[in-house]
Amino acid sequence: MADFVCPGGTGAGYPRYAHRPGPERGYANLAVFYEACNFNCLYCQNWHFKLNDRKALVPTQKMLEALKEHVSCICYFGGDPGPQAPHALSFSKKALALRPGKILRICWETNGAENTPIIREMMRLSLATGGCVKIDLKAYSAPVHETLCGVPNQMTLKNFALLAEMARERPEPPALVASTLLVPGYVDEEELEALAGFIAGLSRDIPWSLLAFYPTFYLDDLPTTSRRHAQLALAIARKHGIKRVNLGNRHLLSEAY
């Protein structure tokens, strides 16, 4: 979801953080999926892991063995990496120690609700390696966020503001990226205006990825995001002066209003 601004997808930061001035063809991303989450979103796209009674345990040594020469990025996601962030931080440091002077970006896809000292350390690793922290801003208002995710969003907003300040240390490639799923009937014009104002108030240079929704998990009775909804979201982002806005999952857009 951050590929429209990251070194691996665009060559941003070449040659310090990327092997090529464009997309890193021929290189790989080591994706670390944690079967855990501190949210319980009604539209979780990876809800299947909740059904597993026995989680797959992969020893650290085996993970290190997967760190081949052509791996240029480690990305932690889930679920959410938050509950296992201490392990992710420890593994990242071991991986970097094995690859001194080599390109190895540390990236995160998270809801941003980690303990503040933890997420600060996550950002430090990303800043040092050319990686990024991508935070899902699921909603701005507390009632909508709690309805969709089961928890308040004060910690997410607080941490996002903190990371926005830290990200000023390395403007390019961007160290902080926001994403928002355009959930019909929930993430509406009012929510989008509030989110755009929040992001722009911190920095208009923070990239924002707007994602089309598809029905899944408990929200399997909703339609996909309409083209009108997506165009409205893009217009709001641009109105607030956000410089880099991306619309993802375009193939899911419907013509319905």
C-alpha atoms as a PDB file:
ATOM      1  CA  MET A   1       0.000   0.000   0.000  1.00  0.00           C
ATOM      2  CA  ALA A   2       3.046   2.253   0.189  1.00  0.00           C
ATOM      3  CA  ASP A   3       4.503   1.042  -3.102  1.00  0.00           C
ATOM      4  CA  PHE A   4       3.627   4.307  -4.858  1.00  0.00           C
ATOM      5  CA  VAL A   5       6.280   6.146  -2.802  1.00  0.00           C
ATOM      6  CA  CYS A   6       8.629   3.471  -1.415  1.00  0.00           C
ATOM      7  CA  PRO A   7      12.147   2.731  -2.742  1.00  0.00           C
ATOM      8  CA  GLY A   8      11.210  -0.801  -3.809  1.00  0.00           C
ATOM      9  CA  GLY A   9       8.273   0.365  -5.898  1.00  0.00           C
ATOM     10  CA  THR A  10       9.654   3.599  -7.312  1.00  0.00           C
ATOM     11  CA  GLY A  11      13.414   3.665  -6.743  1.00  0.00           C
ATOM     12  CA  ALA A  12      13.012   6.603  -4.339  1.00  0.00           C
ATOM     13  CA  GLY A  13      16.204   7.164  -2.391  1.00  0.00           C
ATOM     14  CA  TYR A  14      18.408   5.520  -5.035  1.00  0.00           C
ATOM     15  CA  PRO A  15      21.256   4.592  -4.658  1.00  0.00           C
ATOM     16  CA  ARG A  16      21.365   4.767  -0.845  1.00  0.00           C
ATOM     17  CA  TYR A  17      18.084   2.982  -0.163  1.00  0.00           C
ATOM     18  CA  ALA A  18      17.246   1.284  -3.465  1.00  0.00           C
ATOM     19  CA  HIS A  19      19.164  -0.915  -5.903  1.00  0.00           C
ATOM     20  CA  ARG A  20      17.599   0.678  -8.974  1.00  0.00           C
ATOM     21  CA  PRO A  21      16.353   4.161  -9.931  1.00  0.00           C
ATOM     22  CA  GLY A  22      12.966   2.596 -10.709  1.00  0.00           C
ATOM     23  CA  PRO A  23      11.091  -0.483  -9.452  1.00  0.00           C
ATOM     24  CA  GLU A  24      13.445  -3.046  -7.921  1.00  0.00           C
ATOM     25  CA  ARG A  25      12.884  -5.855 -10.394  1.00  0.00           C
ATOM     26  CA  GLY A  26      14.871  -8.919  -9.442  1.00  0.00           C
ATOM     27  CA  TYR A  27      14.803  -8.138  -5.727  1.00  0.00           C
ATOM     28  CA  ALA A  28      12.473  -9.469  -3.038  1.00  0.00           C
ATOM     29  CA  ASN A  29      10.615  -8.403   0.071  1.00  0.00           C
ATOM     30  CA  LEU A  30      10.720 -10.658   3.131  1.00  0.00           C
ATOM     31  CA  ALA A  31       7.110 -10.457   4.328  1.00  0.00           C
ATOM     32  CA  VAL A  32       6.600 -11.309   7.998  1.00  0.00           C
ATOM     33  CA  PHE A  33       2.947 -12.021   8.802  1.00  0.00           C
ATOM     34  CA  TYR A  34       2.062 -12.110  12.486  1.00  0.00           C
ATOM     35  CA  GLU A  35      -1.122 -13.972  13.325  1.00  0.00           C
ATOM     36  CA  ALA A  36      -2.143 -11.435  15.943  1.00  0.00           C
ATOM     37  CA  CYS A  37      -3.923  -8.107  16.257  1.00  0.00           C
ATOM     38  CA  ASN A  38      -4.980  -5.679  18.981  1.00  0.00           C
ATOM     39  CA  PHE A  39      -8.004  -4.554  16.916  1.00  0.00           C
ATOM     40  CA  ASN A  40     -11.033  -6.592  15.884  1.00  0.00           C
ATOM     41  CA  CYS A  41     -12.121  -4.856  12.686  1.00  0.00           C
ATOM     42  CA  LEU A  42     -15.477  -5.814  11.234  1.00  0.00           C
ATOM     43  CA  TYR A  43     -13.926  -5.927   7.755  1.00  0.00           C
ATOM     44  CA  CYS A  44     -10.642  -7.686   8.592  1.00  0.00           C
ATOM     45  CA  GLN A  45      -9.236  -9.027   5.326  1.00  0.00           C
ATOM     46  CA  ASN A  46      -7.058 -11.568   7.122  1.00  0.00           C
ATOM     47  CA  TRP A  47      -9.717 -12.832   9.525  1.00  0.00           C
ATOM     48  CA  HIS A  48      -8.937 -16.460   8.695  1.00  0.00           C
ATOM     49  CA  PHE A  49      -6.004 -16.479  11.099  1.00  0.00           C
ATOM     50  CA  LYS A  50      -8.500 -16.014  13.945  1.00  0.00           C
ATOM     51  CA  LEU A  51      -9.780 -19.534  13.245  1.00  0.00           C
ATOM     52  CA  ASN A  52      -6.407 -21.207  13.774  1.00  0.00           C
ATOM     53  CA  ASP A  53      -6.161 -22.969  17.117  1.00  0.00           C
ATOM     54  CA  ARG A  54      -2.476 -23.597  16.606  1.00  0.00           C
ATOM     55  CA  LYS A  55      -0.346 -20.744  15.321  1.00  0.00           C
ATOM     56  CA  ALA A  56       2.549 -21.421  12.992  1.00  0.00           C
ATOM     57  CA  LEU A  57       5.783 -20.861  14.921  1.00  0.00           C
ATOM     58  CA  VAL A  58       8.829 -20.032  12.814  1.00  0.00           C
ATOM     59  CA  PRO A  59      12.183 -20.018  14.630  1.00  0.00           C
ATOM     60  CA  THR A  60      14.261 -16.867  14.330  1.00  0.00           C
ATOM     61  CA  GLN A  61      17.087 -18.864  12.759  1.00  0.00           C
ATOM     62  CA  LYS A  62      14.786 -20.024   9.963  1.00  0.00           C
ATOM     63  CA  MET A  63      13.700 -16.440   9.375  1.00  0.00           C
ATOM     64  CA  LEU A  64      17.332 -15.369   9.145  1.00  0.00           C
ATOM     65  CA  GLU A  65      17.964 -18.139   6.620  1.00  0.00           C
ATOM     66  CA  ALA A  66      15.243 -16.604   4.436  1.00  0.00           C
ATOM     67  CA  LEU A  67      17.272 -13.406   4.313  1.00  0.00           C
ATOM     68  CA  LYS A  68      18.827 -14.097   0.910  1.00  0.00           C
ATOM     69  CA  GLU A  69      21.124 -11.686  -0.927  1.00  0.00           C
ATOM     70  CA  HIS A  70      18.323 -10.470  -3.191  1.00  0.00           C
ATOM     71  CA  VAL A  71      16.096  -9.479  -0.242  1.00  0.00           C
ATOM     72  CA  SER A  72      16.137  -5.695  -0.006  1.00  0.00           C
ATOM     73  CA  CYS A  73      13.249  -5.117   2.395  1.00  0.00           C
ATOM     74  CA  ILE A  74      11.597  -6.665   5.443  1.00  0.00           C
ATOM     75  CA  CYS A  75       7.931  -5.771   5.896  1.00  0.00           C
ATOM     76  CA  TYR A  76       5.987  -6.627   9.045  1.00  0.00           C
ATOM     77  CA  PHE A  77       2.219  -6.864   8.869  1.00  0.00           C
ATOM     78  CA  GLY A  78      -0.628  -9.152   9.950  1.00  0.00           C
ATOM     79  CA  GLY A  79      -3.095  -9.036  11.563  1.00  0.00           C
ATOM     80  CA  ASP A  80      -0.873  -6.389  13.021  1.00  0.00           C
ATOM     81  CA  PRO A  81       2.777  -6.466  14.060  1.00  0.00           C
ATOM     82  CA  GLY A  82       1.955  -4.475  17.207  1.00  0.00           C
ATOM     83  CA  PRO A  83       1.444  -7.409  19.604  1.00  0.00           C
ATOM     84  CA  GLN A  84       4.709  -8.996  18.387  1.00  0.00           C
ATOM     85  CA  ALA A  85       6.663  -5.760  17.931  1.00  0.00           C
ATOM     86  CA  PRO A  86       9.385  -6.671  20.473  1.00  0.00           C
ATOM     87  CA  HIS A  87      10.151  -9.799  18.434  1.00  0.00           C
ATOM     88  CA  ALA A  88      10.094  -7.814  15.174  1.00  0.00           C
ATOM     89  CA  LEU A  89      12.478  -5.200  16.565  1.00  0.00           C
ATOM     90  CA  SER A  90      14.841  -7.877  17.846  1.00  0.00           C
ATOM     91  CA  PHE A  91      14.803  -9.781  14.557  1.00  0.00           C
ATOM     92  CA  SER A  92      15.344  -6.576  12.550  1.00  0.00           C
ATOM     93  CA  LYS A  93      18.481  -5.752  14.493  1.00  0.00           C
ATOM     94  CA  LYS A  94      19.844  -9.269  13.991  1.00  0.00           C
ATOM     95  CA  ALA A  95      19.070  -9.098  10.278  1.00  0.00           C
ATOM     96  CA  LEU A  96      20.776  -5.723   9.878  1.00  0.00           C
ATOM     97  CA  ALA A  97      23.829  -7.003  11.748  1.00  0.00           C
ATOM     98  CA  LEU A  98      24.135  -9.778   9.138  1.00  0.00           C
ATOM     99  CA  ARG A  99      23.975  -7.275   6.276  1.00  0.00           C
ATOM    100  CA  PRO A 100      26.265  -4.367   7.271  1.00  0.00           C
ATOM    101  CA  GLY A 101      26.457  -1.690   4.607  1.00  0.00           C
ATOM    102  CA  LYS A 102      23.843  -3.442   2.445  1.00  0.00           C
ATOM    103  CA  ILE A 103      20.387  -2.198   1.464  1.00  0.00           C
ATOM    104  CA  LEU A 104      17.810  -3.703   3.821  1.00  0.00           C
ATOM    105  CA  ARG A 105      14.810  -1.499   4.468  1.00  0.00           C
ATOM    106  CA  ILE A 106      12.649  -2.118   7.549  1.00  0.00           C
ATOM    107  CA  CYS A 107       8.953  -1.407   6.905  1.00  0.00           C
ATOM    108  CA  TRP A 108       5.752  -1.734   8.899  1.00  0.00           C
ATOM    109  CA  GLU A 109       2.041  -1.934   8.129  1.00  0.00           C
ATOM    110  CA  THR A 110       0.191  -1.252  11.365  1.00  0.00           C
ATOM    111  CA  ASN A 111      -2.840   0.323  12.997  1.00  0.00           C
ATOM    112  CA  GLY A 112      -0.436   2.544  14.934  1.00  0.00           C
ATOM    113  CA  ALA A 113      -1.761   1.676  18.403  1.00  0.00           C
ATOM    114  CA  GLU A 114       1.517   0.342  19.789  1.00  0.00           C
ATOM    115  CA  ASN A 115       2.991   1.534  23.055  1.00  0.00           C
ATOM    116  CA  THR A 116       4.629   4.874  22.189  1.00  0.00           C
ATOM    117  CA  PRO A 117       8.259   3.896  23.025  1.00  0.00           C
ATOM    118  CA  ILE A 118       7.799   0.792  20.845  1.00  0.00           C
ATOM    119  CA  ILE A 119       6.482   2.655  17.812  1.00  0.00           C
ATOM    120  CA  ARG A 120       9.195   5.258  18.239  1.00  0.00           C
ATOM    121  CA  GLU A 121      11.795   2.480  17.930  1.00  0.00           C
ATOM    122  CA  MET A 122       9.974   1.080  14.904  1.00  0.00           C
ATOM    123  CA  MET A 123      10.261   4.472  13.208  1.00  0.00           C
ATOM    124  CA  ARG A 124      13.934   4.810  14.160  1.00  0.00           C
ATOM    125  CA  LEU A 125      14.718   1.575  12.329  1.00  0.00           C
ATOM    126  CA  SER A 126      12.740   2.687   9.292  1.00  0.00           C
ATOM    127  CA  LEU A 127      14.417   6.096   9.211  1.00  0.00           C
ATOM    128  CA  ALA A 128      17.882   4.541   9.361  1.00  0.00           C
ATOM    129  CA  THR A 129      17.257   1.972   6.623  1.00  0.00           C
ATOM    130  CA  GLY A 130      15.108   3.813   4.085  1.00  0.00           C
ATOM    131  CA  GLY A 131      11.938   2.019   5.123  1.00  0.00           C
ATOM    132  CA  CYS A 132       8.588   3.405   6.197  1.00  0.00           C
ATOM    133  CA  VAL A 133       5.840   3.063   8.766  1.00  0.00           C
ATOM    134  CA  LYS A 134       2.450   2.809   7.059  1.00  0.00           C
ATOM    135  CA  ILE A 135      -0.413   3.471   9.442  1.00  0.00           C
ATOM    136  CA  ASP A 136      -4.045   2.636   8.760  1.00  0.00           C
ATOM    137  CA  LEU A 137      -6.131   5.638   9.730  1.00  0.00           C
ATOM    138  CA  LYS A 138      -9.392   3.730   9.744  1.00  0.00           C
ATOM    139  CA  ALA A 139     -11.575   6.622  10.941  1.00  0.00           C
ATOM    140  CA  TYR A 140     -11.123   9.958  12.670  1.00  0.00           C
ATOM    141  CA  SER A 141     -14.126  10.148  14.963  1.00  0.00           C
ATOM    142  CA  ALA A 142     -13.950   7.912  18.024  1.00  0.00           C
ATOM    143  CA  PRO A 143     -17.493   6.483  17.679  1.00  0.00           C
ATOM    144  CA  VAL A 144     -16.994   5.428  14.061  1.00  0.00           C
ATOM    145  CA  HIS A 145     -13.561   3.979  14.813  1.00  0.00           C
ATOM    146  CA  GLU A 146     -14.844   2.021  17.801  1.00  0.00           C
ATOM    147  CA  THR A 147     -17.791   0.737  15.772  1.00  0.00           C
ATOM    148  CA  LEU A 148     -15.520  -0.520  12.979  1.00  0.00           C
ATOM    149  CA  CYS A 149     -12.570  -1.730  15.044  1.00  0.00           C
ATOM    150  CA  GLY A 150     -13.833  -2.393  18.556  1.00  0.00           C
ATOM    151  CA  VAL A 151     -11.355   0.007  20.174  1.00  0.00           C
ATOM    152  CA  PRO A 152     -10.840   3.791  20.432  1.00  0.00           C
ATOM    153  CA  ASN A 153      -8.335   5.556  18.201  1.00  0.00           C
ATOM    154  CA  GLN A 154      -6.671   8.028  20.584  1.00  0.00           C
ATOM    155  CA  MET A 155      -3.403   6.078  20.632  1.00  0.00           C
ATOM    156  CA  THR A 156      -3.317   5.794  16.839  1.00  0.00           C
ATOM    157  CA  LEU A 157      -3.806   9.543  16.354  1.00  0.00           C
ATOM    158  CA  LYS A 158      -1.298  10.392  19.085  1.00  0.00           C
ATOM    159  CA  ASN A 159       1.350   8.091  17.620  1.00  0.00           C
ATOM    160  CA  PHE A 160       0.707   9.282  14.073  1.00  0.00           C
ATOM    161  CA  ALA A 161       1.383  12.868  15.157  1.00  0.00           C
ATOM    162  CA  LEU A 162       4.572  11.766  16.900  1.00  0.00           C
ATOM    163  CA  LEU A 163       5.793   9.863  13.830  1.00  0.00           C
ATOM    164  CA  ALA A 164       4.971  12.813  11.581  1.00  0.00           C
ATOM    165  CA  GLU A 165       7.420  14.886  13.604  1.00  0.00           C
ATOM    166  CA  MET A 166      10.080  12.164  13.525  1.00  0.00           C
ATOM    167  CA  ALA A 167       9.614  11.718   9.753  1.00  0.00           C
ATOM    168  CA  ARG A 168      10.842  15.273   9.136  1.00  0.00           C
ATOM    169  CA  GLU A 169      14.330  13.919   9.764  1.00  0.00           C
ATOM    170  CA  ARG A 170      14.246  12.122   6.380  1.00  0.00           C
ATOM    171  CA  PRO A 171      11.906  13.753   3.872  1.00  0.00           C
ATOM    172  CA  GLU A 172      12.785  11.348   1.043  1.00  0.00           C
ATOM    173  CA  PRO A 173      11.815   8.647   0.687  1.00  0.00           C
ATOM    174  CA  PRO A 174       8.846   9.387   2.963  1.00  0.00           C
ATOM    175  CA  ALA A 175       9.146   7.602   6.301  1.00  0.00           C
ATOM    176  CA  LEU A 176       5.465   7.906   7.237  1.00  0.00           C
ATOM    177  CA  VAL A 177       2.555   6.869   5.008  1.00  0.00           C
ATOM    178  CA  ALA A 178      -1.171   6.905   5.792  1.00  0.00           C
ATOM    179  CA  SER A 179      -3.836   4.627   4.361  1.00  0.00           C
ATOM    180  CA  THR A 180      -7.612   4.618   4.674  1.00  0.00           C
ATOM    181  CA  LEU A 181     -10.163   2.068   3.522  1.00  0.00           C
ATOM    182  CA  LEU A 182     -13.200   3.705   1.937  1.00  0.00           C
ATOM    183  CA  VAL A 183     -15.892   1.746   3.756  1.00  0.00           C
ATOM    184  CA  PRO A 184     -19.338   2.602   2.324  1.00  0.00           C
ATOM    185  CA  GLY A 185     -21.646   4.223   4.866  1.00  0.00           C
ATOM    186  CA  TYR A 186     -18.891   4.615   7.470  1.00  0.00           C
ATOM    187  CA  VAL A 187     -15.867   6.410   6.029  1.00  0.00           C
ATOM    188  CA  ASP A 188     -18.024   9.083   4.429  1.00  0.00           C
ATOM    189  CA  GLU A 189     -17.452  12.709   3.471  1.00  0.00           C
ATOM    190  CA  GLU A 190     -17.417  13.892   7.092  1.00  0.00           C
ATOM    191  CA  GLU A 191     -14.827  11.294   8.102  1.00  0.00           C
ATOM    192  CA  LEU A 192     -12.684  11.996   5.053  1.00  0.00           C
ATOM    193  CA  GLU A 193     -12.724  15.743   5.678  1.00  0.00           C
ATOM    194  CA  ALA A 194     -11.600  15.157   9.265  1.00  0.00           C
ATOM    195  CA  LEU A 195      -8.851  12.702   8.264  1.00  0.00           C
ATOM    196  CA  ALA A 196      -7.558  14.943   5.492  1.00  0.00           C
ATOM    197  CA  GLY A 197      -7.485  17.919   7.834  1.00  0.00           C
ATOM    198  CA  PHE A 198      -5.631  15.881  10.442  1.00  0.00           C
ATOM    199  CA  ILE A 199      -2.973  14.682   7.987  1.00  0.00           C
ATOM    200  CA  ALA A 200      -2.532  18.072   6.305  1.00  0.00           C
ATOM    201  CA  GLY A 201      -2.296  19.770   9.684  1.00  0.00           C
ATOM    202  CA  LEU A 202       0.763  17.648  10.455  1.00  0.00           C
ATOM    203  CA  SER A 203       2.367  17.750   7.005  1.00  0.00           C
ATOM    204  CA  ARG A 204       1.018  17.926   3.466  1.00  0.00           C
ATOM    205  CA  ASP A 205       4.016  15.833   2.430  1.00  0.00           C
ATOM    206  CA  ILE A 206       2.657  12.703   4.144  1.00  0.00           C
ATOM    207  CA  PRO A 207       1.496  10.344   1.366  1.00  0.00           C
ATOM    208  CA  TRP A 208      -2.068   9.058   1.695  1.00  0.00           C
ATOM    209  CA  SER A 209      -3.269   5.824   0.113  1.00  0.00           C
ATOM    210  CA  LEU A 210      -7.048   5.579  -0.324  1.00  0.00           C
ATOM    211  CA  LEU A 211      -8.220   2.008  -0.760  1.00  0.00           C
ATOM    212  CA  ALA A 212     -11.390   0.629  -2.303  1.00  0.00           C
ATOM    213  CA  PHE A 213     -13.360  -1.629   0.042  1.00  0.00           C
ATOM    214  CA  TYR A 214     -14.613  -5.117  -0.695  1.00  0.00           C
ATOM    215  CA  PRO A 215     -17.120  -7.027   1.470  1.00  0.00           C
ATOM    216  CA  THR A 216     -15.566  -9.514   3.882  1.00  0.00           C
ATOM    217  CA  PHE A 217     -15.745 -10.884   7.435  1.00  0.00           C
ATOM    218  CA  TYR A 218     -18.688  -9.303   9.303  1.00  0.00           C
ATOM    219  CA  LEU A 219     -19.191  -6.578   6.693  1.00  0.00           C
ATOM    220  CA  ASP A 220     -19.853  -9.035   3.893  1.00  0.00           C
ATOM    221  CA  ASP A 221     -23.231  -7.450   3.139  1.00  0.00           C
ATOM    222  CA  LEU A 222     -21.836  -4.063   2.076  1.00  0.00           C
ATOM    223  CA  PRO A 223     -21.164  -3.094  -1.546  1.00  0.00           C
ATOM    224  CA  THR A 224     -17.717  -2.300  -2.863  1.00  0.00           C
ATOM    225  CA  THR A 225     -16.623   1.319  -2.883  1.00  0.00           C
ATOM    226  CA  SER A 226     -18.316   3.304  -5.616  1.00  0.00           C
ATOM    227  CA  ARG A 227     -16.410   5.348  -8.160  1.00  0.00           C
ATOM    228  CA  ARG A 228     -18.195   8.457  -6.872  1.00  0.00           C
ATOM    229  CA  HIS A 229     -17.035   7.721  -3.302  1.00  0.00           C
ATOM    230  CA  ALA A 230     -13.443   7.311  -4.480  1.00  0.00           C
ATOM    231  CA  GLN A 231     -13.514  10.498  -6.548  1.00  0.00           C
ATOM    232  CA  LEU A 232     -14.919  12.390  -3.583  1.00  0.00           C
ATOM    233  CA  ALA A 233     -12.113  11.090  -1.362  1.00  0.00           C
ATOM    234  CA  LEU A 234      -9.463  12.145  -3.887  1.00  0.00           C
ATOM    235  CA  ALA A 235     -11.026  15.587  -4.228  1.00  0.00           C
ATOM    236  CA  ILE A 236     -11.063  16.090  -0.456  1.00  0.00           C
ATOM    237  CA  ALA A 237      -7.407  15.069  -0.139  1.00  0.00           C
ATOM    238  CA  ARG A 238      -6.391  17.475  -2.893  1.00  0.00           C
ATOM    239  CA  LYS A 239      -8.529  20.253  -1.435  1.00  0.00           C
ATOM    240  CA  HIS A 240      -6.548  19.955   1.784  1.00  0.00           C
ATOM    241  CA  GLY A 241      -3.307  20.187  -0.174  1.00  0.00           C
ATOM    242  CA  ILE A 242      -2.018  16.671   0.428  1.00  0.00           C
ATOM    243  CA  LYS A 243       0.647  16.324  -2.238  1.00  0.00           C
ATOM    244  CA  ARG A 244       0.801  12.573  -2.835  1.00  0.00           C
ATOM    245  CA  VAL A 245      -2.485  10.717  -2.907  1.00  0.00           C
ATOM    246  CA  ASN A 246      -2.948   7.249  -4.343  1.00  0.00           C
ATOM    247  CA  LEU A 247      -6.133   5.305  -5.086  1.00  0.00           C
ATOM    248  CA  GLY A 248      -5.633   1.565  -4.602  1.00  0.00           C
ATOM    249  CA  ASN A 249      -7.786  -1.435  -5.521  1.00  0.00           C
ATOM    250  CA  ARG A 250      -9.255   0.480  -8.460  1.00  0.00           C
ATOM    251  CA  HIS A 251     -10.482  -2.769  -9.977  1.00  0.00           C
ATOM    252  CA  LEU A 252     -13.000  -3.061  -7.125  1.00  0.00           C
ATOM    253  CA  LEU A 253     -14.718   0.259  -7.792  1.00  0.00           C
ATOM    254  CA  SER A 254     -18.386   0.011  -8.748  1.00  0.00           C
ATOM    255  CA  GLU A 255     -20.508   2.444 -10.706  1.00  0.00           C
ATOM    256  CA  ALA A 256     -23.227   2.325  -8.031  1.00  0.00           C
ATOM    257  CA  TYR A 257     -23.777   5.425  -5.935  1.00  0.00           C
END
